[in-house]
């Protein structure tokens, strides 16, 4: 189990950075993200609201270093969020490789490693 801790820290820090970046892109309505949302049929007006759970998850993952249950909850929330994002893209037959896939992989990795530590 000791080998899990360094991997958990690295993957969690990456996930925090990516979640904060993704939230920031939503808050400023970054054009490349907006184009992906257009493909998925998601209104651009939803972007700031979709940034909130990503920002909250980033904060939850940071807090998870001191309170593991918060980190686990944040990781689980991200897994649900990005699973839904993948589903929304697949629903409209958008098979382009977007950021929802690597974000889902990172979130799932944090969740699994967090449960193992």
PDB file of N, CA and C in Angstrom:
ATOM      1  N   UNK A   1       0.810  -1.202   0.000  1.00  0.00           N
ATOM      2  CA  UNK A   1       0.000   0.000   0.000  1.00  0.00           C
ATOM      3  C   UNK A   1       0.851   1.264   0.000  1.00  0.00           C
ATOM      4  N   UNK A   2       2.100   1.168   0.458  1.00  0.00           N
ATOM      5  CA  UNK A   2       2.935   2.357   0.506  1.00  0.00           C
ATOM      6  C   UNK A   2       3.235   2.908  -0.879  1.00  0.00           C
ATOM      7  N   UNK A   3       3.269   2.080  -1.894  1.00  0.00           N
ATOM      8  CA  UNK A   3       3.540   2.532  -3.248  1.00  0.00           C
ATOM      9  C   UNK A   3       2.369   3.323  -3.823  1.00  0.00           C
ATOM     10  N   UNK A   4       1.204   3.163  -3.246  1.00  0.00           N
ATOM     11  CA  UNK A   4       0.018   3.861  -3.735  1.00  0.00           C
ATOM     12  C   UNK A   4       0.108   5.354  -3.426  1.00  0.00           C
ATOM     13  N   UNK A   5       0.659   5.707  -2.283  1.00  0.00           N
ATOM     14  CA  UNK A   5       0.664   7.103  -1.842  1.00  0.00           C
ATOM     15  C   UNK A   5       1.342   8.048  -2.843  1.00  0.00           C
ATOM     16  N   UNK A   6       2.567   7.773  -3.315  1.00  0.00           N
ATOM     17  CA  UNK A   6       3.174   8.696  -4.281  1.00  0.00           C
ATOM     18  C   UNK A   6       2.370   8.795  -5.584  1.00  0.00           C
ATOM     19  N   UNK A   7       1.860   7.685  -6.053  1.00  0.00           N
ATOM     20  CA  UNK A   7       1.047   7.701  -7.275  1.00  0.00           C
ATOM     21  C   UNK A   7      -0.216   8.525  -7.047  1.00  0.00           C
ATOM     22  N   UNK A   8      -0.821   8.353  -5.882  1.00  0.00           N
ATOM     23  CA  UNK A   8      -2.026   9.123  -5.543  1.00  0.00           C
ATOM     24  C   UNK A   8      -1.735  10.618  -5.570  1.00  0.00           C
ATOM     25  N   UNK A   9      -0.638  11.015  -4.974  1.00  0.00           N
ATOM     26  CA  UNK A   9      -0.292  12.439  -4.913  1.00  0.00           C
ATOM     27  C   UNK A   9      -0.087  12.999  -6.317  1.00  0.00           C
ATOM     28  N   UNK A  10       0.678  12.299  -7.146  1.00  0.00           N
ATOM     29  CA  UNK A  10       0.964  12.788  -8.502  1.00  0.00           C
ATOM     30  C   UNK A  10      -0.318  12.898  -9.331  1.00  0.00           C
ATOM     31  N   UNK A  11      -1.113  11.833  -9.326  1.00  0.00           N
ATOM     32  CA  UNK A  11      -2.341  11.836 -10.134  1.00  0.00           C
ATOM     33  C   UNK A  11      -3.340  12.859  -9.596  1.00  0.00           C
ATOM     34  N   UNK A  12      -3.400  13.013  -8.292  1.00  0.00           N
ATOM     35  CA  UNK A  12      -4.332  13.979  -7.712  1.00  0.00           C
ATOM     36  C   UNK A  12      -3.922  15.407  -8.047  1.00  0.00           C
ATOM     37  N   UNK A  13      -2.640  15.712  -7.965  1.00  0.00           N
ATOM     38  CA  UNK A  13      -2.174  17.060  -8.309  1.00  0.00           C
ATOM     39  C   UNK A  13      -2.468  17.361  -9.785  1.00  0.00           C
ATOM     40  N   UNK A  14      -2.245  16.388 -10.658  1.00  0.00           N
ATOM     41  CA  UNK A  14      -2.579  16.575 -12.075  1.00  0.00           C
ATOM     42  C   UNK A  14      -4.086  16.816 -12.258  1.00  0.00           C
ATOM     43  N   UNK A  15      -4.879  16.056 -11.539  1.00  0.00           N
ATOM     44  CA  UNK A  15      -6.328  16.192 -11.656  1.00  0.00           C
ATOM     45  C   UNK A  15      -6.795  17.539 -11.114  1.00  0.00           C
ATOM     46  N   UNK A  16      -6.197  18.000 -10.028  1.00  0.00           N
ATOM     47  CA  UNK A  16      -6.516  19.325  -9.495  1.00  0.00           C
ATOM     48  C   UNK A  16      -6.212  20.385 -10.553  1.00  0.00           C
ATOM     49  N   UNK A  17      -5.028  20.294 -11.154  1.00  0.00           N
ATOM     50  CA  UNK A  17      -4.631  21.281 -12.167  1.00  0.00           C
ATOM     51  C   UNK A  17      -5.578  21.250 -13.366  1.00  0.00           C
ATOM     52  N   UNK A  18      -5.880  20.063 -13.855  1.00  0.00           N
ATOM     53  CA  UNK A  18      -6.764  19.947 -15.011  1.00  0.00           C
ATOM     54  C   UNK A  18      -8.187  20.393 -14.679  1.00  0.00           C
ATOM     55  N   UNK A  19      -8.668  20.090 -13.492  1.00  0.00           N
ATOM     56  CA  UNK A  19     -10.019  20.508 -13.112  1.00  0.00           C
ATOM     57  C   UNK A  19     -10.100  22.028 -12.985  1.00  0.00           C
ATOM     58  N   UNK A  20      -9.086  22.622 -12.370  1.00  0.00           N
ATOM     59  CA  UNK A  20      -9.062  24.079 -12.236  1.00  0.00           C
ATOM     60  C   UNK A  20      -8.956  24.741 -13.609  1.00  0.00           C
ATOM     61  N   UNK A  21      -8.114  24.176 -14.483  1.00  0.00           N
ATOM     62  CA  UNK A  21      -7.979  24.704 -15.843  1.00  0.00           C
ATOM     63  C   UNK A  21      -9.300  24.608 -16.594  1.00  0.00           C
ATOM     64  N   UNK A  22      -9.946  23.454 -16.511  1.00  0.00           N
ATOM     65  CA  UNK A  22     -11.206  23.238 -17.206  1.00  0.00           C
ATOM     66  C   UNK A  22     -12.288  24.184 -16.679  1.00  0.00           C
ATOM     67  N   UNK A  23     -12.329  24.361 -15.369  1.00  0.00           N
ATOM     68  CA  UNK A  23     -13.291  25.292 -14.778  1.00  0.00           C
ATOM     69  C   UNK A  23     -13.016  26.711 -15.270  1.00  0.00           C
ATOM     70  N   UNK A  24     -11.746  27.089 -15.288  1.00  0.00           N
ATOM     71  CA  UNK A  24     -11.389  28.422 -15.772  1.00  0.00           C
ATOM     72  C   UNK A  24     -11.806  28.634 -17.216  1.00  0.00           C
ATOM     73  N   UNK A  25     -11.602  27.622 -18.038  1.00  0.00           N
ATOM     74  CA  UNK A  25     -12.033  27.713 -19.443  1.00  0.00           C
ATOM     75  C   UNK A  25     -13.538  27.918 -19.533  1.00  0.00           C
ATOM     76  N   UNK A  26     -14.275  27.239 -18.676  1.00  0.00           N
ATOM     77  CA  UNK A  26     -15.731  27.408 -18.673  1.00  0.00           C
ATOM     78  C   UNK A  26     -16.113  28.806 -18.196  1.00  0.00           C
ATOM     79  N   UNK A  27     -15.450  29.292 -17.161  1.00  0.00           N
ATOM     80  CA  UNK A  27     -15.797  30.605 -16.617  1.00  0.00           C
ATOM     81  C   UNK A  27     -15.538  31.739 -17.606  1.00  0.00           C
ATOM     82  N   UNK A  28     -14.480  31.609 -18.406  1.00  0.00           N
ATOM     83  CA  UNK A  28     -14.175  32.662 -19.388  1.00  0.00           C
ATOM     84  C   UNK A  28     -14.763  32.352 -20.761  1.00  0.00           C
ATOM     85  N   UNK A  29     -15.485  31.239 -20.858  1.00  0.00           N
ATOM     86  CA  UNK A  29     -16.129  30.811 -22.109  1.00  0.00           C
ATOM     87  C   UNK A  29     -15.108  30.690 -23.246  1.00  0.00           C
ATOM     88  N   UNK A  30     -14.070  29.919 -22.965  1.00  0.00           N
ATOM     89  CA  UNK A  30     -12.992  29.695 -23.925  1.00  0.00           C
ATOM     90  C   UNK A  30     -13.563  29.111 -25.213  1.00  0.00           C
ATOM     91  N   UNK A  31     -13.208  29.694 -26.334  1.00  0.00           N
ATOM     92  CA  UNK A  31     -13.833  29.361 -27.622  1.00  0.00           C
ATOM     93  C   UNK A  31     -13.678  27.889 -28.001  1.00  0.00           C
ATOM     94  N   UNK A  32     -12.496  27.307 -27.797  1.00  0.00           N
ATOM     95  CA  UNK A  32     -12.309  25.903 -28.192  1.00  0.00           C
ATOM     96  C   UNK A  32     -13.207  24.968 -27.383  1.00  0.00           C
ATOM     97  N   UNK A  33     -13.427  25.289 -26.135  1.00  0.00           N
ATOM     98  CA  UNK A  33     -14.340  24.491 -25.311  1.00  0.00           C
ATOM     99  C   UNK A  33     -15.771  24.709 -25.793  1.00  0.00           C
ATOM    100  N   UNK A  34     -16.099  25.940 -26.112  1.00  0.00           N
ATOM    101  CA  UNK A  34     -17.447  26.255 -26.585  1.00  0.00           C
ATOM    102  C   UNK A  34     -17.774  25.511 -27.876  1.00  0.00           C
ATOM    103  N   UNK A  35     -16.803  25.368 -28.763  1.00  0.00           N
ATOM    104  CA  UNK A  35     -17.015  24.636 -30.015  1.00  0.00           C
ATOM    105  C   UNK A  35     -17.344  23.171 -29.717  1.00  0.00           C
ATOM    106  N   UNK A  36     -16.636  22.581 -28.777  1.00  0.00           N
ATOM    107  CA  UNK A  36     -16.931  21.204 -28.373  1.00  0.00           C
ATOM    108  C   UNK A  36     -18.322  21.071 -27.779  1.00  0.00           C
ATOM    109  N   UNK A  37     -18.727  22.070 -27.025  1.00  0.00           N
ATOM    110  CA  UNK A  37     -20.074  22.038 -26.446  1.00  0.00           C
ATOM    111  C   UNK A  37     -21.133  22.202 -27.532  1.00  0.00           C
ATOM    112  N   UNK A  38     -20.810  23.024 -28.537  1.00  0.00           N
ATOM    113  CA  UNK A  38     -21.735  23.164 -29.674  1.00  0.00           C
ATOM    114  C   UNK A  38     -21.959  21.815 -30.349  1.00  0.00           C
ATOM    115  N   UNK A  39     -20.877  21.063 -30.544  1.00  0.00           N
ATOM    116  CA  UNK A  39     -20.982  19.738 -31.179  1.00  0.00           C
ATOM    117  C   UNK A  39     -21.883  18.816 -30.360  1.00  0.00           C
ATOM    118  N   UNK A  40     -21.803  18.969 -29.045  1.00  0.00           N
ATOM    119  CA  UNK A  40     -22.575  18.098 -28.161  1.00  0.00           C
ATOM    120  C   UNK A  40     -23.996  18.598 -27.940  1.00  0.00           C
ATOM    121  N   UNK A  41     -24.299  19.781 -28.468  1.00  0.00           N
ATOM    122  CA  UNK A  41     -25.644  20.319 -28.301  1.00  0.00           C
ATOM    123  C   UNK A  41     -25.885  20.958 -26.942  1.00  0.00           C
ATOM    124  N   UNK A  42     -24.811  21.333 -26.269  1.00  0.00           N
ATOM    125  CA  UNK A  42     -24.932  21.971 -24.953  1.00  0.00           C
ATOM    126  C   UNK A  42     -24.874  23.482 -25.154  1.00  0.00           C
ATOM    127  N   UNK A  43     -25.853  24.224 -24.650  1.00  0.00           N
ATOM    128  CA  UNK A  43     -25.844  25.681 -24.838  1.00  0.00           C
ATOM    129  C   UNK A  43     -24.616  26.333 -24.202  1.00  0.00           C
ATOM    130  N   UNK A  44     -24.044  27.293 -24.900  1.00  0.00           N
ATOM    131  CA  UNK A  44     -22.879  28.012 -24.378  1.00  0.00           C
ATOM    132  C   UNK A  44     -23.200  28.730 -23.070  1.00  0.00           C
ATOM    133  N   UNK A  45     -24.441  29.081 -22.877  1.00  0.00           N
ATOM    134  CA  UNK A  45     -24.832  29.781 -21.649  1.00  0.00           C
ATOM    135  C   UNK A  45     -24.647  28.911 -20.407  1.00  0.00           C
ATOM    136  N   UNK A  46     -24.512  27.614 -20.589  1.00  0.00           N
ATOM    137  CA  UNK A  46     -24.311  26.699 -19.462  1.00  0.00           C
ATOM    138  C   UNK A  46     -22.859  26.644 -18.994  1.00  0.00           C
ATOM    139  N   UNK A  47     -21.954  27.209 -19.786  1.00  0.00           N
ATOM    140  CA  UNK A  47     -20.524  27.054 -19.483  1.00  0.00           C
ATOM    141  C   UNK A  47     -20.152  27.462 -18.058  1.00  0.00           C
ATOM    142  N   UNK A  48     -20.525  28.660 -17.584  1.00  0.00           N
ATOM    143  CA  UNK A  48     -20.132  29.012 -16.214  1.00  0.00           C
ATOM    144  C   UNK A  48     -20.696  28.045 -15.164  1.00  0.00           C
ATOM    145  N   UNK A  49     -21.924  27.600 -15.377  1.00  0.00           N
ATOM    146  CA  UNK A  49     -22.527  26.662 -14.419  1.00  0.00           C
ATOM    147  C   UNK A  49     -21.806  25.318 -14.434  1.00  0.00           C
ATOM    148  N   UNK A  50     -21.322  24.893 -15.598  1.00  0.00           N
ATOM    149  CA  UNK A  50     -20.591  23.628 -15.675  1.00  0.00           C
ATOM    150  C   UNK A  50     -19.182  23.758 -15.097  1.00  0.00           C
ATOM    151  N   UNK A  51     -18.682  24.968 -14.994  1.00  0.00           N
ATOM    152  CA  UNK A  51     -17.380  25.183 -14.366  1.00  0.00           C
ATOM    153  C   UNK A  51     -17.421  25.062 -12.857  1.00  0.00           C
ATOM    154  N   UNK A  52     -18.581  25.310 -12.268  1.00  0.00           N
ATOM    155  CA  UNK A  52     -18.695  25.288 -10.802  1.00  0.00           C
ATOM    156  C   UNK A  52     -18.371  23.920 -10.211  1.00  0.00           C
ATOM    157  N   UNK A  53     -18.953  22.815 -10.694  1.00  0.00           N
ATOM    158  CA  UNK A  53     -18.596  21.527 -10.085  1.00  0.00           C
ATOM    159  C   UNK A  53     -17.131  21.145 -10.312  1.00  0.00           C
ATOM    160  N   UNK A  54     -16.547  21.594 -11.421  1.00  0.00           N
ATOM    161  CA  UNK A  54     -15.128  21.301 -11.656  1.00  0.00           C
ATOM    162  C   UNK A  54     -14.260  22.060 -10.662  1.00  0.00           C
ATOM    163  N   UNK A  55     -14.598  23.323 -10.419  1.00  0.00           N
ATOM    164  CA  UNK A  55     -13.844  24.114  -9.442  1.00  0.00           C
ATOM    165  C   UNK A  55     -14.039  23.549  -8.036  1.00  0.00           C
ATOM    166  N   UNK A  56     -15.262  23.164  -7.716  1.00  0.00           N
ATOM    167  CA  UNK A  56     -15.537  22.577  -6.399  1.00  0.00           C
ATOM    168  C   UNK A  56     -14.776  21.269  -6.222  1.00  0.00           C
ATOM    169  N   UNK A  57     -14.702  20.476  -7.287  1.00  0.00           N
ATOM    170  CA  UNK A  57     -13.967  19.213  -7.211  1.00  0.00           C
ATOM    171  C   UNK A  57     -12.477  19.467  -7.001  1.00  0.00           C
ATOM    172  N   UNK A  58     -11.929  20.467  -7.681  1.00  0.00           N
ATOM    173  CA  UNK A  58     -10.513  20.800  -7.487  1.00  0.00           C
ATOM    174  C   UNK A  58     -10.255  21.156  -6.021  1.00  0.00           C
ATOM    175  N   UNK A  59     -11.126  21.960  -5.443  1.00  0.00           N
ATOM    176  CA  UNK A  59     -10.982  22.319  -4.024  1.00  0.00           C
ATOM    177  C   UNK A  59     -11.160  21.096  -3.126  1.00  0.00           C
ATOM    178  N   UNK A  60     -12.104  20.224  -3.481  1.00  0.00           N
ATOM    179  CA  UNK A  60     -12.323  19.005  -2.707  1.00  0.00           C
ATOM    180  C   UNK A  60     -11.131  18.067  -2.758  1.00  0.00           C
ATOM    181  N   UNK A  61     -10.482  18.002  -3.918  1.00  0.00           N
ATOM    182  CA  UNK A  61      -9.291  17.159  -4.027  1.00  0.00           C
ATOM    183  C   UNK A  61      -8.145  17.714  -3.195  1.00  0.00           C
ATOM    184  N   UNK A  62      -8.009  19.036  -3.159  1.00  0.00           N
ATOM    185  CA  UNK A  62      -6.984  19.649  -2.301  1.00  0.00           C
ATOM    186  C   UNK A  62      -7.282  19.324  -0.842  1.00  0.00           C
ATOM    187  N   UNK A  63      -8.533  19.516  -0.440  1.00  0.00           N
ATOM    188  CA  UNK A  63      -8.926  19.216   0.943  1.00  0.00           C
ATOM    189  C   UNK A  63      -8.748  17.741   1.259  1.00  0.00           C
ATOM    190  N   UNK A  64      -8.833  16.900   0.242  1.00  0.00           N
ATOM    191  CA  UNK A  64      -8.702  15.458   0.435  1.00  0.00           C
ATOM    192  C   UNK A  64      -7.339  15.022   0.930  1.00  0.00           C
ATOM    193  N   UNK A  65      -6.328  15.861   0.763  1.00  0.00           N
ATOM    194  CA  UNK A  65      -5.015  15.520   1.322  1.00  0.00           C
ATOM    195  C   UNK A  65      -5.062  15.509   2.847  1.00  0.00           C
ATOM    196  N   UNK A  66      -5.958  16.313   3.443  1.00  0.00           N
ATOM    197  CA  UNK A  66      -6.109  16.351   4.897  1.00  0.00           C
ATOM    198  C   UNK A  66      -7.320  15.558   5.375  1.00  0.00           C
ATOM    199  N   UNK A  67      -8.388  15.546   4.566  1.00  0.00           N
ATOM    200  CA  UNK A  67      -9.616  14.824   4.890  1.00  0.00           C
ATOM    201  C   UNK A  67      -9.939  13.900   3.727  1.00  0.00           C
ATOM    202  N   UNK A  68      -9.427  12.683   3.774  1.00  0.00           N
ATOM    203  CA  UNK A  68      -9.551  11.764   2.633  1.00  0.00           C
ATOM    204  C   UNK A  68     -10.973  11.562   2.120  1.00  0.00           C
ATOM    205  N   UNK A  69     -11.949  11.605   2.993  1.00  0.00           N
ATOM    206  CA  UNK A  69     -13.329  11.390   2.537  1.00  0.00           C
ATOM    207  C   UNK A  69     -13.745  12.490   1.562  1.00  0.00           C
ATOM    208  N   UNK A  70     -13.264  13.711   1.743  1.00  0.00           N
ATOM    209  CA  UNK A  70     -13.590  14.789   0.807  1.00  0.00           C
ATOM    210  C   UNK A  70     -12.933  14.556  -0.553  1.00  0.00           C
ATOM    211  N   UNK A  71     -11.700  14.088  -0.526  1.00  0.00           N
ATOM    212  CA  UNK A  71     -11.021  13.781  -1.785  1.00  0.00           C
ATOM    213  C   UNK A  71     -11.717  12.667  -2.548  1.00  0.00           C
ATOM    214  N   UNK A  72     -12.162  11.654  -1.820  1.00  0.00           N
ATOM    215  CA  UNK A  72     -12.884  10.546  -2.449  1.00  0.00           C
ATOM    216  C   UNK A  72     -14.207  11.029  -3.032  1.00  0.00           C
ATOM    217  N   UNK A  73     -14.912  11.865  -2.289  1.00  0.00           N
ATOM    218  CA  UNK A  73     -16.181  12.403  -2.787  1.00  0.00           C
ATOM    219  C   UNK A  73     -15.962  13.284  -4.014  1.00  0.00           C
ATOM    220  N   UNK A  74     -14.913  14.099  -3.995  1.00  0.00           N
ATOM    221  CA  UNK A  74     -14.613  14.964  -5.141  1.00  0.00           C
ATOM    222  C   UNK A  74     -14.255  14.134  -6.367  1.00  0.00           C
ATOM    223  N   UNK A  75     -13.452  13.110  -6.178  1.00  0.00           N
ATOM    224  CA  UNK A  75     -13.070  12.237  -7.297  1.00  0.00           C
ATOM    225  C   UNK A  75     -14.301  11.516  -7.844  1.00  0.00           C
ATOM    226  N   UNK A  76     -15.156  11.030  -6.965  1.00  0.00           N
ATOM    227  CA  UNK A  76     -16.375  10.348  -7.417  1.00  0.00           C
ATOM    228  C   UNK A  76     -17.274  11.316  -8.183  1.00  0.00           C
ATOM    229  N   UNK A  77     -17.372  12.537  -7.696  1.00  0.00           N
ATOM    230  CA  UNK A  77     -18.158  13.551  -8.402  1.00  0.00           C
ATOM    231  C   UNK A  77     -17.619  13.833  -9.789  1.00  0.00           C
ATOM    232  N   UNK A  78     -16.296  13.904  -9.906  1.00  0.00           N
ATOM    233  CA  UNK A  78     -15.691  14.115 -11.225  1.00  0.00           C
ATOM    234  C   UNK A  78     -15.935  12.937 -12.156  1.00  0.00           C
ATOM    235  N   UNK A  79     -15.879  11.733 -11.617  1.00  0.00           N
ATOM    236  CA  UNK A  79     -16.158  10.549 -12.444  1.00  0.00           C
ATOM    237  C   UNK A  79     -17.585  10.622 -12.979  1.00  0.00           C
ATOM    238  N   UNK A  80     -18.533  10.971 -12.129  1.00  0.00           N
ATOM    239  CA  UNK A  80     -19.927  11.091 -12.575  1.00  0.00           C
ATOM    240  C   UNK A  80     -20.048  12.207 -13.612  1.00  0.00           C
ATOM    241  N   UNK A  81     -19.437  13.357 -13.337  1.00  0.00           N
ATOM    242  CA  UNK A  81     -19.515  14.502 -14.234  1.00  0.00           C
ATOM    243  C   UNK A  81     -18.976  14.158 -15.617  1.00  0.00           C
ATOM    244  N   UNK A  82     -17.769  13.586 -15.662  1.00  0.00           N
ATOM    245  CA  UNK A  82     -17.161  13.321 -16.962  1.00  0.00           C
ATOM    246  C   UNK A  82     -17.737  12.088 -17.647  1.00  0.00           C
ATOM    247  N   UNK A  83     -18.313  11.166 -16.893  1.00  0.00           N
ATOM    248  CA  UNK A  83     -19.060  10.075 -17.523  1.00  0.00           C
ATOM    249  C   UNK A  83     -20.281  10.653 -18.229  1.00  0.00           C
ATOM    250  N   UNK A  84     -20.942  11.591 -17.572  1.00  0.00           N
ATOM    251  CA  UNK A  84     -22.086  12.256 -18.204  1.00  0.00           C
ATOM    252  C   UNK A  84     -21.639  13.041 -19.438  1.00  0.00           C
ATOM    253  N   UNK A  85     -20.480  13.702 -19.353  1.00  0.00           N
ATOM    254  CA  UNK A  85     -19.968  14.463 -20.504  1.00  0.00           C
ATOM    255  C   UNK A  85     -19.712  13.544 -21.691  1.00  0.00           C
ATOM    256  N   UNK A  86     -19.097  12.396 -21.423  1.00  0.00           N
ATOM    257  CA  UNK A  86     -18.864  11.422 -22.497  1.00  0.00           C
ATOM    258  C   UNK A  86     -20.210  10.977 -23.072  1.00  0.00           C
ATOM    259  N   UNK A  87     -21.153  10.703 -22.203  1.00  0.00           N
ATOM    260  CA  UNK A  87     -22.475  10.278 -22.656  1.00  0.00           C
ATOM    261  C   UNK A  87     -23.171  11.315 -23.516  1.00  0.00           C
ATOM    262  N   UNK A  88     -23.038  12.582 -23.155  1.00  0.00           N
ATOM    263  CA  UNK A  88     -23.661  13.652 -23.933  1.00  0.00           C
ATOM    264  C   UNK A  88     -23.048  13.708 -25.325  1.00  0.00           C
ATOM    265  N   UNK A  89     -21.739  13.569 -25.412  1.00  0.00           N
ATOM    266  CA  UNK A  89     -21.086  13.590 -26.724  1.00  0.00           C
ATOM    267  C   UNK A  89     -21.468  12.364 -27.552  1.00  0.00           C
ATOM    268  N   UNK A  90     -21.507  11.205 -26.929  1.00  0.00           N
ATOM    269  CA  UNK A  90     -21.871   9.993 -27.671  1.00  0.00           C
ATOM    270  C   UNK A  90     -23.329  10.015 -28.108  1.00  0.00           C
ATOM    271  N   UNK A  91     -24.176  10.637 -27.300  1.00  0.00           N
ATOM    272  CA  UNK A  91     -25.600  10.718 -27.612  1.00  0.00           C
ATOM    273  C   UNK A  91     -25.838  11.401 -28.957  1.00  0.00           C
ATOM    274  N   UNK A  92     -25.013  12.402 -29.270  1.00  0.00           N
ATOM    275  CA  UNK A  92     -25.180  13.125 -30.541  1.00  0.00           C
ATOM    276  C   UNK A  92     -24.211  12.615 -31.610  1.00  0.00           C
ATOM    277  N   UNK A  93     -23.621  11.468 -31.333  1.00  0.00           N
ATOM    278  CA  UNK A  93     -22.678  10.825 -32.255  1.00  0.00           C
ATOM    279  C   UNK A  93     -21.449  11.689 -32.550  1.00  0.00           C
ATOM    280  N   UNK A  94     -21.006  12.410 -31.524  1.00  0.00           N
ATOM    281  CA  UNK A  94     -19.758  13.174 -31.626  1.00  0.00           C
ATOM    282  C   UNK A  94     -18.649  12.277 -31.083  1.00  0.00           C
ATOM    283  N   UNK A  95     -17.894  11.690 -31.983  1.00  0.00           N
ATOM    284  CA  UNK A  95     -16.844  10.754 -31.599  1.00  0.00           C
ATOM    285  C   UNK A  95     -15.459  11.400 -31.613  1.00  0.00           C
ATOM    286  N   UNK A  96     -15.412  12.722 -31.717  1.00  0.00           N
ATOM    287  CA  UNK A  96     -14.121  13.403 -31.694  1.00  0.00           C
ATOM    288  C   UNK A  96     -13.489  13.232 -30.308  1.00  0.00           C
ATOM    289  N   UNK A  97     -12.176  13.253 -30.298  1.00  0.00           N
ATOM    290  CA  UNK A  97     -11.464  13.067 -29.030  1.00  0.00           C
ATOM    291  C   UNK A  97     -11.402  14.391 -28.306  1.00  0.00           C
ATOM    292  N   UNK A  98     -12.246  14.550 -27.303  1.00  0.00           N
ATOM    293  CA  UNK A  98     -12.262  15.779 -26.509  1.00  0.00           C
ATOM    294  C   UNK A  98     -11.606  15.558 -25.168  1.00  0.00           C
ATOM    295  N   UNK A  99     -11.546  16.614 -24.400  1.00  0.00           N
ATOM    296  CA  UNK A  99     -10.891  16.541 -23.096  1.00  0.00           C
ATOM    297  C   UNK A  99     -11.676  15.742 -22.066  1.00  0.00           C
ATOM    298  N   UNK A 100     -12.933  15.432 -22.368  1.00  0.00           N
ATOM    299  CA  UNK A 100     -13.718  14.677 -21.393  1.00  0.00           C
ATOM    300  C   UNK A 100     -13.127  13.287 -21.152  1.00  0.00           C
ATOM    301  N   UNK A 101     -12.468  12.713 -22.143  1.00  0.00           N
ATOM    302  CA  UNK A 101     -11.907  11.365 -21.987  1.00  0.00           C
ATOM    303  C   UNK A 101     -10.689  11.346 -21.061  1.00  0.00           C
ATOM    304  N   UNK A 102      -9.675  12.195 -21.282  1.00  0.00           N
ATOM    305  CA  UNK A 102      -8.553  12.180 -20.333  1.00  0.00           C
ATOM    306  C   UNK A 102      -8.961  12.645 -18.937  1.00  0.00           C
ATOM    307  N   UNK A 103      -9.918  13.588 -18.853  1.00  0.00           N
ATOM    308  CA  UNK A 103     -10.387  14.017 -17.536  1.00  0.00           C
ATOM    309  C   UNK A 103     -11.063  12.863 -16.806  1.00  0.00           C
ATOM    310  N   UNK A 104     -11.859  12.083 -17.518  1.00  0.00           N
ATOM    311  CA  UNK A 104     -12.517  10.917 -16.910  1.00  0.00           C
ATOM    312  C   UNK A 104     -11.481   9.914 -16.431  1.00  0.00           C
ATOM    313  N   UNK A 105     -10.469   9.667 -17.240  1.00  0.00           N
ATOM    314  CA  UNK A 105      -9.411   8.736 -16.854  1.00  0.00           C
ATOM    315  C   UNK A 105      -8.675   9.222 -15.601  1.00  0.00           C
ATOM    316  N   UNK A 106      -8.343  10.490 -15.554  1.00  0.00           N
ATOM    317  CA  UNK A 106      -7.672  11.041 -14.366  1.00  0.00           C
ATOM    318  C   UNK A 106      -8.554  10.931 -13.128  1.00  0.00           C
ATOM    319  N   UNK A 107      -9.815  11.328 -13.264  1.00  0.00           N
ATOM    320  CA  UNK A 107     -10.723  11.285 -12.119  1.00  0.00           C
ATOM    321  C   UNK A 107     -10.899   9.860 -11.611  1.00  0.00           C
ATOM    322  N   UNK A 108     -11.046   8.904 -12.527  1.00  0.00           N
ATOM    323  CA  UNK A 108     -11.192   7.506 -12.127  1.00  0.00           C
ATOM    324  C   UNK A 108      -9.918   7.006 -11.446  1.00  0.00           C
ATOM    325  N   UNK A 109      -8.769   7.447 -11.937  1.00  0.00           N
ATOM    326  CA  UNK A 109      -7.491   7.041 -11.323  1.00  0.00           C
ATOM    327  C   UNK A 109      -7.379   7.569  -9.901  1.00  0.00           C
ATOM    328  N   UNK A 110      -7.755   8.836  -9.709  1.00  0.00           N
ATOM    329  CA  UNK A 110      -7.722   9.409  -8.360  1.00  0.00           C
ATOM    330  C   UNK A 110      -8.674   8.649  -7.442  1.00  0.00           C
ATOM    331  N   UNK A 111      -9.844   8.333  -7.946  1.00  0.00           N
ATOM    332  CA  UNK A 111     -10.827   7.612  -7.125  1.00  0.00           C
ATOM    333  C   UNK A 111     -10.290   6.254  -6.702  1.00  0.00           C
ATOM    334  N   UNK A 112      -9.760   5.490  -7.653  1.00  0.00           N
ATOM    335  CA  UNK A 112      -9.248   4.144  -7.338  1.00  0.00           C
ATOM    336  C   UNK A 112      -8.055   4.236  -6.390  1.00  0.00           C
ATOM    337  N   UNK A 113      -7.104   5.107  -6.699  1.00  0.00           N
ATOM    338  CA  UNK A 113      -5.921   5.227  -5.836  1.00  0.00           C
ATOM    339  C   UNK A 113      -6.307   5.741  -4.460  1.00  0.00           C
ATOM    340  N   UNK A 114      -7.289   6.637  -4.395  1.00  0.00           N
ATOM    341  CA  UNK A 114      -7.743   7.135  -3.098  1.00  0.00           C
ATOM    342  C   UNK A 114      -8.391   6.050  -2.256  1.00  0.00           C
ATOM    343  N   UNK A 115      -9.103   5.164  -2.897  1.00  0.00           N
ATOM    344  CA  UNK A 115      -9.719   4.060  -2.159  1.00  0.00           C
ATOM    345  C   UNK A 115      -8.694   3.037  -1.708  1.00  0.00           C
ATOM    346  N   UNK A 116      -7.580   2.943  -2.429  1.00  0.00           N
ATOM    347  CA  UNK A 116      -6.538   1.981  -2.075  1.00  0.00           C
ATOM    348  C   UNK A 116      -5.593   2.479  -0.973  1.00  0.00           C
ATOM    349  N   UNK A 117      -5.548   3.792  -0.765  1.00  0.00           N
ATOM    350  CA  UNK A 117      -4.562   4.291   0.211  1.00  0.00           C
ATOM    351  C   UNK A 117      -5.021   4.163   1.628  1.00  0.00           C
TER     352      UNK A 117
END
